[in-house]
């Protein structure tokens, strides 16, 4: 996600490579930023914080405590921290740094890599309207942004943060079904990818609801109707809703 955010900022002209510093413990990841994006990289996160007015915390939730401990001494109340870690509250970040830093919590998703990202943003208690505008500008560089209350950020994570994986999982199984029905792997793959690309464009541009778009494809007694009926009989709608609620609950657990 850090790479996706950086690419979006550079492509939109919001930042120049010399305006950004990236830290990562992985030499391979640092090489991506240096070689492909021409961004200066270092291994030590604390060294970045001493040089920055805006700090993006782009680590997995289980690594956040160690990261915050490493930057606590050099963090300043004048800095804006933007966190994309699932489940980690702004209050936790402020408490761990032990200074009244301004924090904005964001949940982006990987389609930022292709300029089609979706991000939810929420302000921490010290964040200002200007801080929210800054976060919005960063994440709108490669997608769309919706502002929500922080208590709803785990729902954002379940719907859009994790959402691309559900999409890919369905595609994966559609390809397998095509192969089992006799299509070549190449044909099944192309049929699925292009179907998803076209359907996604229709969903993005049509004024119709998803339910109405589905209805227009589903002729009574036809092939699509047979497939949808099978999905309903197998409790697929309930399984999807249950899966997203499980993702939301996991977000809550990660924040404890």
C-alpha atoms as a PDB file:
ATOM      1  CA  UNK A   1       0.000   0.000   0.000  1.00  0.00           C
ATOM      2  CA  UNK A   2       2.870   2.396   0.663  1.00  0.00           C
ATOM      3  CA  UNK A   3       4.016   1.873  -2.910  1.00  0.00           C
ATOM      4  CA  UNK A   4       0.489   2.451  -4.235  1.00  0.00           C
ATOM      5  CA  UNK A   5       0.152   5.690  -2.249  1.00  0.00           C
ATOM      6  CA  UNK A   6       3.541   6.923  -3.423  1.00  0.00           C
ATOM      7  CA  UNK A   7       2.776   6.118  -7.044  1.00  0.00           C
ATOM      8  CA  UNK A   8      -0.518   7.990  -6.800  1.00  0.00           C
ATOM      9  CA  UNK A   9       1.092  11.081  -5.299  1.00  0.00           C
ATOM     10  CA  UNK A  10       3.824  11.165  -7.922  1.00  0.00           C
ATOM     11  CA  UNK A  11       1.497  10.512 -10.856  1.00  0.00           C
ATOM     12  CA  UNK A  12      -0.858  13.296  -9.724  1.00  0.00           C
ATOM     13  CA  UNK A  13       2.016  15.732  -9.306  1.00  0.00           C
ATOM     14  CA  UNK A  14       1.171  16.305  -5.638  1.00  0.00           C
ATOM     15  CA  UNK A  15       4.714  15.378  -4.624  1.00  0.00           C
ATOM     16  CA  UNK A  16       8.060  15.132  -6.320  1.00  0.00           C
ATOM     17  CA  UNK A  17      10.345  12.174  -5.589  1.00  0.00           C
ATOM     18  CA  UNK A  18      12.671  14.434  -3.608  1.00  0.00           C
ATOM     19  CA  UNK A  19       9.769  15.416  -1.331  1.00  0.00           C
ATOM     20  CA  UNK A  20       9.292  11.845  -0.087  1.00  0.00           C
ATOM     21  CA  UNK A  21      11.381   9.531   2.094  1.00  0.00           C
ATOM     22  CA  UNK A  22      10.501   5.877   2.610  1.00  0.00           C
ATOM     23  CA  UNK A  23      11.633   3.505   5.342  1.00  0.00           C
ATOM     24  CA  UNK A  24      11.450  -0.268   5.199  1.00  0.00           C
ATOM     25  CA  UNK A  25      13.381  -3.044   6.914  1.00  0.00           C
ATOM     26  CA  UNK A  26      13.340  -5.009   3.648  1.00  0.00           C
ATOM     27  CA  UNK A  27      16.155  -4.128   1.214  1.00  0.00           C
ATOM     28  CA  UNK A  28      14.037  -5.483  -1.649  1.00  0.00           C
ATOM     29  CA  UNK A  29      11.185  -3.104  -0.838  1.00  0.00           C
ATOM     30  CA  UNK A  30      13.583  -0.183  -0.479  1.00  0.00           C
ATOM     31  CA  UNK A  31      14.959  -1.021  -3.918  1.00  0.00           C
ATOM     32  CA  UNK A  32      11.469  -0.663  -5.434  1.00  0.00           C
ATOM     33  CA  UNK A  33      11.162   2.869  -4.088  1.00  0.00           C
ATOM     34  CA  UNK A  34      14.700   3.817  -5.082  1.00  0.00           C
ATOM     35  CA  UNK A  35      14.923   2.185  -8.499  1.00  0.00           C
ATOM     36  CA  UNK A  36      11.368   2.582  -9.793  1.00  0.00           C
ATOM     37  CA  UNK A  37      10.092   5.691  -8.020  1.00  0.00           C
ATOM     38  CA  UNK A  38      13.412   7.514  -7.450  1.00  0.00           C
ATOM     39  CA  UNK A  39      12.450   8.061  -3.805  1.00  0.00           C
ATOM     40  CA  UNK A  40      15.179   8.186  -1.170  1.00  0.00           C
ATOM     41  CA  UNK A  41      14.966   5.296   1.279  1.00  0.00           C
ATOM     42  CA  UNK A  42      16.436   4.467   4.658  1.00  0.00           C
ATOM     43  CA  UNK A  43      16.032   1.567   7.068  1.00  0.00           C
ATOM     44  CA  UNK A  44      15.393   3.562  10.239  1.00  0.00           C
ATOM     45  CA  UNK A  45      11.816   4.878  10.593  1.00  0.00           C
ATOM     46  CA  UNK A  46      12.810   7.271  13.384  1.00  0.00           C
ATOM     47  CA  UNK A  47      15.148   9.082  10.997  1.00  0.00           C
ATOM     48  CA  UNK A  48      12.195   9.777   8.706  1.00  0.00           C
ATOM     49  CA  UNK A  49      10.078  11.194  11.499  1.00  0.00           C
ATOM     50  CA  UNK A  50      12.778  13.714  12.418  1.00  0.00           C
ATOM     51  CA  UNK A  51      12.680  15.071   8.852  1.00  0.00           C
ATOM     52  CA  UNK A  52       8.947  15.032   8.098  1.00  0.00           C
ATOM     53  CA  UNK A  53       5.845  17.125   8.719  1.00  0.00           C
ATOM     54  CA  UNK A  54       3.521  14.353   7.468  1.00  0.00           C
ATOM     55  CA  UNK A  55       4.220  10.752   8.451  1.00  0.00           C
ATOM     56  CA  UNK A  56       2.365   7.833   6.856  1.00  0.00           C
ATOM     57  CA  UNK A  57       2.283   4.729   9.034  1.00  0.00           C
ATOM     58  CA  UNK A  58       2.010   1.949   6.469  1.00  0.00           C
ATOM     59  CA  UNK A  59       2.624  -1.184   8.514  1.00  0.00           C
ATOM     60  CA  UNK A  60       0.585  -4.235   9.419  1.00  0.00           C
ATOM     61  CA  UNK A  61      -1.348  -3.958  12.706  1.00  0.00           C
ATOM     62  CA  UNK A  62       0.864  -6.470  14.487  1.00  0.00           C
ATOM     63  CA  UNK A  63       3.931  -4.293  13.788  1.00  0.00           C
ATOM     64  CA  UNK A  64       2.426  -0.981  14.899  1.00  0.00           C
ATOM     65  CA  UNK A  65       3.448  -1.171  18.571  1.00  0.00           C
ATOM     66  CA  UNK A  66       7.111  -1.686  17.702  1.00  0.00           C
ATOM     67  CA  UNK A  67       7.041   1.073  15.102  1.00  0.00           C
ATOM     68  CA  UNK A  68       5.484   3.609  17.456  1.00  0.00           C
ATOM     69  CA  UNK A  69       7.943   2.689  20.195  1.00  0.00           C
ATOM     70  CA  UNK A  70      10.814   3.336  17.791  1.00  0.00           C
ATOM     71  CA  UNK A  71       9.604   6.837  16.850  1.00  0.00           C
ATOM     72  CA  UNK A  72       8.162   7.981  20.201  1.00  0.00           C
ATOM     73  CA  UNK A  73      11.195  10.008  21.257  1.00  0.00           C
ATOM     74  CA  UNK A  74      11.501  11.944  18.005  1.00  0.00           C
ATOM     75  CA  UNK A  75       7.789  12.468  17.244  1.00  0.00           C
ATOM     76  CA  UNK A  76       6.442  15.991  17.619  1.00  0.00           C
ATOM     77  CA  UNK A  77       2.993  17.325  18.431  1.00  0.00           C
ATOM     78  CA  UNK A  78       3.379  19.498  15.332  1.00  0.00           C
ATOM     79  CA  UNK A  79       3.363  16.472  13.026  1.00  0.00           C
ATOM     80  CA  UNK A  80       0.459  14.831  11.221  1.00  0.00           C
ATOM     81  CA  UNK A  81       0.410  11.037  11.386  1.00  0.00           C
ATOM     82  CA  UNK A  82      -1.708   9.149   8.856  1.00  0.00           C
ATOM     83  CA  UNK A  83      -2.238   5.469   9.651  1.00  0.00           C
ATOM     84  CA  UNK A  84      -3.505   2.799   7.275  1.00  0.00           C
ATOM     85  CA  UNK A  85      -3.229  -0.085   9.762  1.00  0.00           C
ATOM     86  CA  UNK A  86      -6.432  -2.097  10.081  1.00  0.00           C
ATOM     87  CA  UNK A  87      -8.015  -2.029  13.509  1.00  0.00           C
ATOM     88  CA  UNK A  88      -5.530   0.379  15.106  1.00  0.00           C
ATOM     89  CA  UNK A  89      -7.367   3.348  16.616  1.00  0.00           C
ATOM     90  CA  UNK A  90      -6.143   6.926  16.551  1.00  0.00           C
ATOM     91  CA  UNK A  91      -6.327   6.959  20.360  1.00  0.00           C
ATOM     92  CA  UNK A  92      -3.940   4.012  20.489  1.00  0.00           C
ATOM     93  CA  UNK A  93      -1.428   5.863  18.306  1.00  0.00           C
ATOM     94  CA  UNK A  94      -1.618   9.036  20.385  1.00  0.00           C
ATOM     95  CA  UNK A  95      -1.248   7.024  23.589  1.00  0.00           C
ATOM     96  CA  UNK A  96       1.715   5.021  22.270  1.00  0.00           C
ATOM     97  CA  UNK A  97       3.556   8.140  21.111  1.00  0.00           C
ATOM     98  CA  UNK A  98       2.638   9.852  24.400  1.00  0.00           C
ATOM     99  CA  UNK A  99       2.253  13.242  22.755  1.00  0.00           C
ATOM    100  CA  UNK A 100      -0.844  15.055  21.430  1.00  0.00           C
ATOM    101  CA  UNK A 101      -0.005  14.282  17.820  1.00  0.00           C
ATOM    102  CA  UNK A 102      -2.639  14.770  15.144  1.00  0.00           C
ATOM    103  CA  UNK A 103      -3.752  11.474  13.628  1.00  0.00           C
ATOM    104  CA  UNK A 104      -5.959  10.638  10.662  1.00  0.00           C
ATOM    105  CA  UNK A 105      -6.934   7.010  10.174  1.00  0.00           C
ATOM    106  CA  UNK A 106      -7.308   5.745   6.617  1.00  0.00           C
ATOM    107  CA  UNK A 107      -8.300   2.437   5.076  1.00  0.00           C
ATOM    108  CA  UNK A 108      -7.288   2.359   1.400  1.00  0.00           C
ATOM    109  CA  UNK A 109      -7.236  -0.622  -0.940  1.00  0.00           C
ATOM    110  CA  UNK A 110      -4.857  -2.065  -3.507  1.00  0.00           C
ATOM    111  CA  UNK A 111      -6.628  -0.753  -6.646  1.00  0.00           C
ATOM    112  CA  UNK A 112      -4.805   2.493  -5.824  1.00  0.00           C
ATOM    113  CA  UNK A 113      -2.021   0.839  -7.831  1.00  0.00           C
ATOM    114  CA  UNK A 114      -4.113   1.379 -10.978  1.00  0.00           C
ATOM    115  CA  UNK A 115      -5.641   4.706  -9.969  1.00  0.00           C
ATOM    116  CA  UNK A 116      -8.952   3.138  -8.934  1.00  0.00           C
ATOM    117  CA  UNK A 117      -8.564   2.999  -5.180  1.00  0.00           C
ATOM    118  CA  UNK A 118     -11.236   3.467  -2.533  1.00  0.00           C
ATOM    119  CA  UNK A 119     -10.340   4.892   0.859  1.00  0.00           C
ATOM    120  CA  UNK A 120     -12.281   5.598   4.031  1.00  0.00           C
ATOM    121  CA  UNK A 121     -10.858   8.326   6.270  1.00  0.00           C
ATOM    122  CA  UNK A 122     -11.626   9.309   9.867  1.00  0.00           C
ATOM    123  CA  UNK A 123     -10.154  12.029  12.091  1.00  0.00           C
ATOM    124  CA  UNK A 124      -8.570  11.446  15.467  1.00  0.00           C
ATOM    125  CA  UNK A 125      -9.483  13.747  18.330  1.00  0.00           C
ATOM    126  CA  UNK A 126      -6.611  16.171  17.636  1.00  0.00           C
ATOM    127  CA  UNK A 127      -6.967  16.197  13.852  1.00  0.00           C
ATOM    128  CA  UNK A 128      -8.026  19.465  12.231  1.00  0.00           C
ATOM    129  CA  UNK A 129     -10.122  20.086   9.117  1.00  0.00           C
ATOM    130  CA  UNK A 130      -6.866  20.971   7.367  1.00  0.00           C
ATOM    131  CA  UNK A 131      -5.454  17.563   8.326  1.00  0.00           C
ATOM    132  CA  UNK A 132      -8.501  15.841   6.865  1.00  0.00           C
ATOM    133  CA  UNK A 133      -8.114  17.869   3.680  1.00  0.00           C
ATOM    134  CA  UNK A 134      -4.475  16.783   3.484  1.00  0.00           C
ATOM    135  CA  UNK A 135      -5.393  13.110   3.890  1.00  0.00           C
ATOM    136  CA  UNK A 136      -8.159  13.446   1.337  1.00  0.00           C
ATOM    137  CA  UNK A 137      -5.794  15.022  -1.185  1.00  0.00           C
ATOM    138  CA  UNK A 138      -3.248  12.230  -0.709  1.00  0.00           C
ATOM    139  CA  UNK A 139      -5.699   9.396  -1.213  1.00  0.00           C
ATOM    140  CA  UNK A 140      -7.786  11.063  -3.916  1.00  0.00           C
ATOM    141  CA  UNK A 141      -4.588  11.120  -5.990  1.00  0.00           C
ATOM    142  CA  UNK A 142      -5.310   7.490  -6.932  1.00  0.00           C
ATOM    143  CA  UNK A 143      -8.997   6.923  -6.290  1.00  0.00           C
ATOM    144  CA  UNK A 144     -12.001   8.070  -4.321  1.00  0.00           C
ATOM    145  CA  UNK A 145     -12.418   8.936  -0.643  1.00  0.00           C
ATOM    146  CA  UNK A 146     -15.337   8.758   1.789  1.00  0.00           C
ATOM    147  CA  UNK A 147     -15.206  10.321   5.253  1.00  0.00           C
ATOM    148  CA  UNK A 148     -16.719   8.268   8.092  1.00  0.00           C
ATOM    149  CA  UNK A 149     -16.752   8.222  11.889  1.00  0.00           C
ATOM    150  CA  UNK A 150     -13.854   6.264  13.293  1.00  0.00           C
ATOM    151  CA  UNK A 151     -16.106   3.622  14.859  1.00  0.00           C
ATOM    152  CA  UNK A 152     -17.124   2.656  11.298  1.00  0.00           C
ATOM    153  CA  UNK A 153     -13.590   2.156   9.999  1.00  0.00           C
ATOM    154  CA  UNK A 154     -13.697  -1.601  10.609  1.00  0.00           C
ATOM    155  CA  UNK A 155     -16.788  -1.743   8.381  1.00  0.00           C
ATOM    156  CA  UNK A 156     -14.884   0.201   5.713  1.00  0.00           C
ATOM    157  CA  UNK A 157     -12.078  -2.340   6.030  1.00  0.00           C
ATOM    158  CA  UNK A 158     -14.520  -5.229   5.596  1.00  0.00           C
ATOM    159  CA  UNK A 159     -16.245  -3.741   2.542  1.00  0.00           C
ATOM    160  CA  UNK A 160     -13.531  -2.004   0.528  1.00  0.00           C
ATOM    161  CA  UNK A 161     -10.200  -2.590   2.253  1.00  0.00           C
ATOM    162  CA  UNK A 162     -10.538  -6.371   1.954  1.00  0.00           C
ATOM    163  CA  UNK A 163     -13.040  -6.154  -0.899  1.00  0.00           C
ATOM    164  CA  UNK A 164     -10.654  -6.707  -3.817  1.00  0.00           C
ATOM    165  CA  UNK A 165      -9.792 -10.136  -2.403  1.00  0.00           C
ATOM    166  CA  UNK A 166     -13.443 -11.199  -2.538  1.00  0.00           C
ATOM    167  CA  UNK A 167     -13.576 -10.072  -6.163  1.00  0.00           C
ATOM    168  CA  UNK A 168     -10.426 -12.030  -7.008  1.00  0.00           C
ATOM    169  CA  UNK A 169     -11.693 -15.081  -5.114  1.00  0.00           C
ATOM    170  CA  UNK A 170     -14.874 -15.138  -7.206  1.00  0.00           C
ATOM    171  CA  UNK A 171     -12.824 -14.744 -10.389  1.00  0.00           C
ATOM    172  CA  UNK A 172     -10.529 -17.575  -9.294  1.00  0.00           C
ATOM    173  CA  UNK A 173     -13.465 -19.928  -8.862  1.00  0.00           C
ATOM    174  CA  UNK A 174     -15.177 -18.857 -12.088  1.00  0.00           C
ATOM    175  CA  UNK A 175     -11.998 -19.719 -13.974  1.00  0.00           C
ATOM    176  CA  UNK A 176     -11.870 -23.123 -12.266  1.00  0.00           C
ATOM    177  CA  UNK A 177     -15.515 -23.771 -13.151  1.00  0.00           C
ATOM    178  CA  UNK A 178     -14.807 -22.932 -16.784  1.00  0.00           C
ATOM    179  CA  UNK A 179     -11.919 -25.374 -16.842  1.00  0.00           C
ATOM    180  CA  UNK A 180     -14.058 -28.117 -15.279  1.00  0.00           C
ATOM    181  CA  UNK A 181     -16.661 -27.524 -18.015  1.00  0.00           C
ATOM    182  CA  UNK A 182     -14.038 -28.091 -20.705  1.00  0.00           C
ATOM    183  CA  UNK A 183     -12.612 -24.647 -21.471  1.00  0.00           C
ATOM    184  CA  UNK A 184      -8.866 -24.257 -21.738  1.00  0.00           C
ATOM    185  CA  UNK A 185      -7.248 -22.422 -18.809  1.00  0.00           C
ATOM    186  CA  UNK A 186      -6.384 -19.560 -21.172  1.00  0.00           C
ATOM    187  CA  UNK A 187      -9.926 -19.216 -22.481  1.00  0.00           C
ATOM    188  CA  UNK A 188     -11.479 -19.476 -19.011  1.00  0.00           C
ATOM    189  CA  UNK A 189      -9.063 -16.838 -17.725  1.00  0.00           C
ATOM    190  CA  UNK A 190      -9.766 -14.389 -20.562  1.00  0.00           C
ATOM    191  CA  UNK A 191     -13.527 -14.905 -20.382  1.00  0.00           C
ATOM    192  CA  UNK A 192     -13.511 -14.216 -16.652  1.00  0.00           C
ATOM    193  CA  UNK A 193     -11.150 -11.228 -16.683  1.00  0.00           C
ATOM    194  CA  UNK A 194     -12.994  -9.425 -19.471  1.00  0.00           C
ATOM    195  CA  UNK A 195     -16.389 -10.202 -17.961  1.00  0.00           C
ATOM    196  CA  UNK A 196     -15.284  -8.722 -14.655  1.00  0.00           C
ATOM    197  CA  UNK A 197     -13.732  -5.677 -16.329  1.00  0.00           C
ATOM    198  CA  UNK A 198     -16.896  -4.966 -18.307  1.00  0.00           C
ATOM    199  CA  UNK A 199     -19.241  -5.583 -15.385  1.00  0.00           C
ATOM    200  CA  UNK A 200     -17.135  -3.370 -13.100  1.00  0.00           C
ATOM    201  CA  UNK A 201     -17.275  -0.543 -15.635  1.00  0.00           C
ATOM    202  CA  UNK A 202     -21.049  -0.901 -15.907  1.00  0.00           C
ATOM    203  CA  UNK A 203     -21.389  -0.848 -12.135  1.00  0.00           C
ATOM    204  CA  UNK A 204     -19.197   2.246 -11.900  1.00  0.00           C
ATOM    205  CA  UNK A 205     -20.971   4.218 -14.613  1.00  0.00           C
ATOM    206  CA  UNK A 206     -24.613   3.054 -14.593  1.00  0.00           C
ATOM    207  CA  UNK A 207     -27.263   4.890 -12.564  1.00  0.00           C
ATOM    208  CA  UNK A 208     -28.881   1.505 -11.877  1.00  0.00           C
ATOM    209  CA  UNK A 209     -28.373  -0.272  -8.545  1.00  0.00           C
ATOM    210  CA  UNK A 210     -26.443  -3.562  -8.484  1.00  0.00           C
ATOM    211  CA  UNK A 211     -29.747  -5.371  -7.945  1.00  0.00           C
ATOM    212  CA  UNK A 212     -31.261  -3.757 -11.045  1.00  0.00           C
ATOM    213  CA  UNK A 213     -28.189  -4.493 -13.159  1.00  0.00           C
ATOM    214  CA  UNK A 214     -28.413  -8.124 -12.060  1.00  0.00           C
ATOM    215  CA  UNK A 215     -32.133  -8.233 -12.862  1.00  0.00           C
ATOM    216  CA  UNK A 216     -31.512  -6.991 -16.414  1.00  0.00           C
ATOM    217  CA  UNK A 217     -29.182  -9.941 -17.069  1.00  0.00           C
ATOM    218  CA  UNK A 218     -31.432 -12.516 -15.412  1.00  0.00           C
ATOM    219  CA  UNK A 219     -34.184 -13.679 -17.743  1.00  0.00           C
ATOM    220  CA  UNK A 220     -36.823 -15.835 -15.995  1.00  0.00           C
ATOM    221  CA  UNK A 221     -36.090 -19.495 -16.609  1.00  0.00           C
ATOM    222  CA  UNK A 222     -32.809 -18.737 -18.378  1.00  0.00           C
ATOM    223  CA  UNK A 223     -29.210 -19.738 -17.729  1.00  0.00           C
ATOM    224  CA  UNK A 224     -28.422 -16.802 -15.469  1.00  0.00           C
ATOM    225  CA  UNK A 225     -31.571 -17.482 -13.462  1.00  0.00           C
ATOM    226  CA  UNK A 226     -30.430 -21.077 -12.967  1.00  0.00           C
ATOM    227  CA  UNK A 227     -27.050 -19.894 -11.650  1.00  0.00           C
ATOM    228  CA  UNK A 228     -28.497 -17.226  -9.336  1.00  0.00           C
ATOM    229  CA  UNK A 229     -31.068 -19.700  -7.993  1.00  0.00           C
ATOM    230  CA  UNK A 230     -28.277 -22.165  -7.181  1.00  0.00           C
ATOM    231  CA  UNK A 231     -26.319 -19.425  -5.374  1.00  0.00           C
ATOM    232  CA  UNK A 232     -29.374 -18.456  -3.337  1.00  0.00           C
ATOM    233  CA  UNK A 233     -30.173 -22.070  -2.467  1.00  0.00           C
ATOM    234  CA  UNK A 234     -26.594 -22.537  -1.292  1.00  0.00           C
ATOM    235  CA  UNK A 235     -27.031 -19.483   0.975  1.00  0.00           C
ATOM    236  CA  UNK A 236     -24.428 -17.449  -0.893  1.00  0.00           C
ATOM    237  CA  UNK A 237     -25.980 -14.077   0.109  1.00  0.00           C
ATOM    238  CA  UNK A 238     -25.844 -15.020   3.781  1.00  0.00           C
ATOM    239  CA  UNK A 239     -22.312 -16.346   3.373  1.00  0.00           C
ATOM    240  CA  UNK A 240     -21.144 -13.063   1.843  1.00  0.00           C
ATOM    241  CA  UNK A 241     -22.748 -10.934   4.544  1.00  0.00           C
ATOM    242  CA  UNK A 242     -21.365 -13.244   7.222  1.00  0.00           C
ATOM    243  CA  UNK A 243     -17.896 -13.076   5.695  1.00  0.00           C
ATOM    244  CA  UNK A 244     -17.825  -9.278   5.756  1.00  0.00           C
ATOM    245  CA  UNK A 245     -19.046  -9.229   9.345  1.00  0.00           C
ATOM    246  CA  UNK A 246     -16.236 -11.639  10.207  1.00  0.00           C
ATOM    247  CA  UNK A 247     -13.744  -9.261   8.595  1.00  0.00           C
ATOM    248  CA  UNK A 248     -15.177  -6.371  10.616  1.00  0.00           C
ATOM    249  CA  UNK A 249     -14.907  -8.388  13.833  1.00  0.00           C
ATOM    250  CA  UNK A 250     -11.305  -9.290  13.041  1.00  0.00           C
ATOM    251  CA  UNK A 251     -10.572  -5.587  12.660  1.00  0.00           C
ATOM    252  CA  UNK A 252     -11.942  -5.013  16.150  1.00  0.00           C
ATOM    253  CA  UNK A 253      -9.761  -7.821  17.512  1.00  0.00           C
ATOM    254  CA  UNK A 254      -6.629  -6.405  15.868  1.00  0.00           C
ATOM    255  CA  UNK A 255      -7.220  -3.136  17.661  1.00  0.00           C
ATOM    256  CA  UNK A 256      -7.256  -4.715  21.135  1.00  0.00           C
END
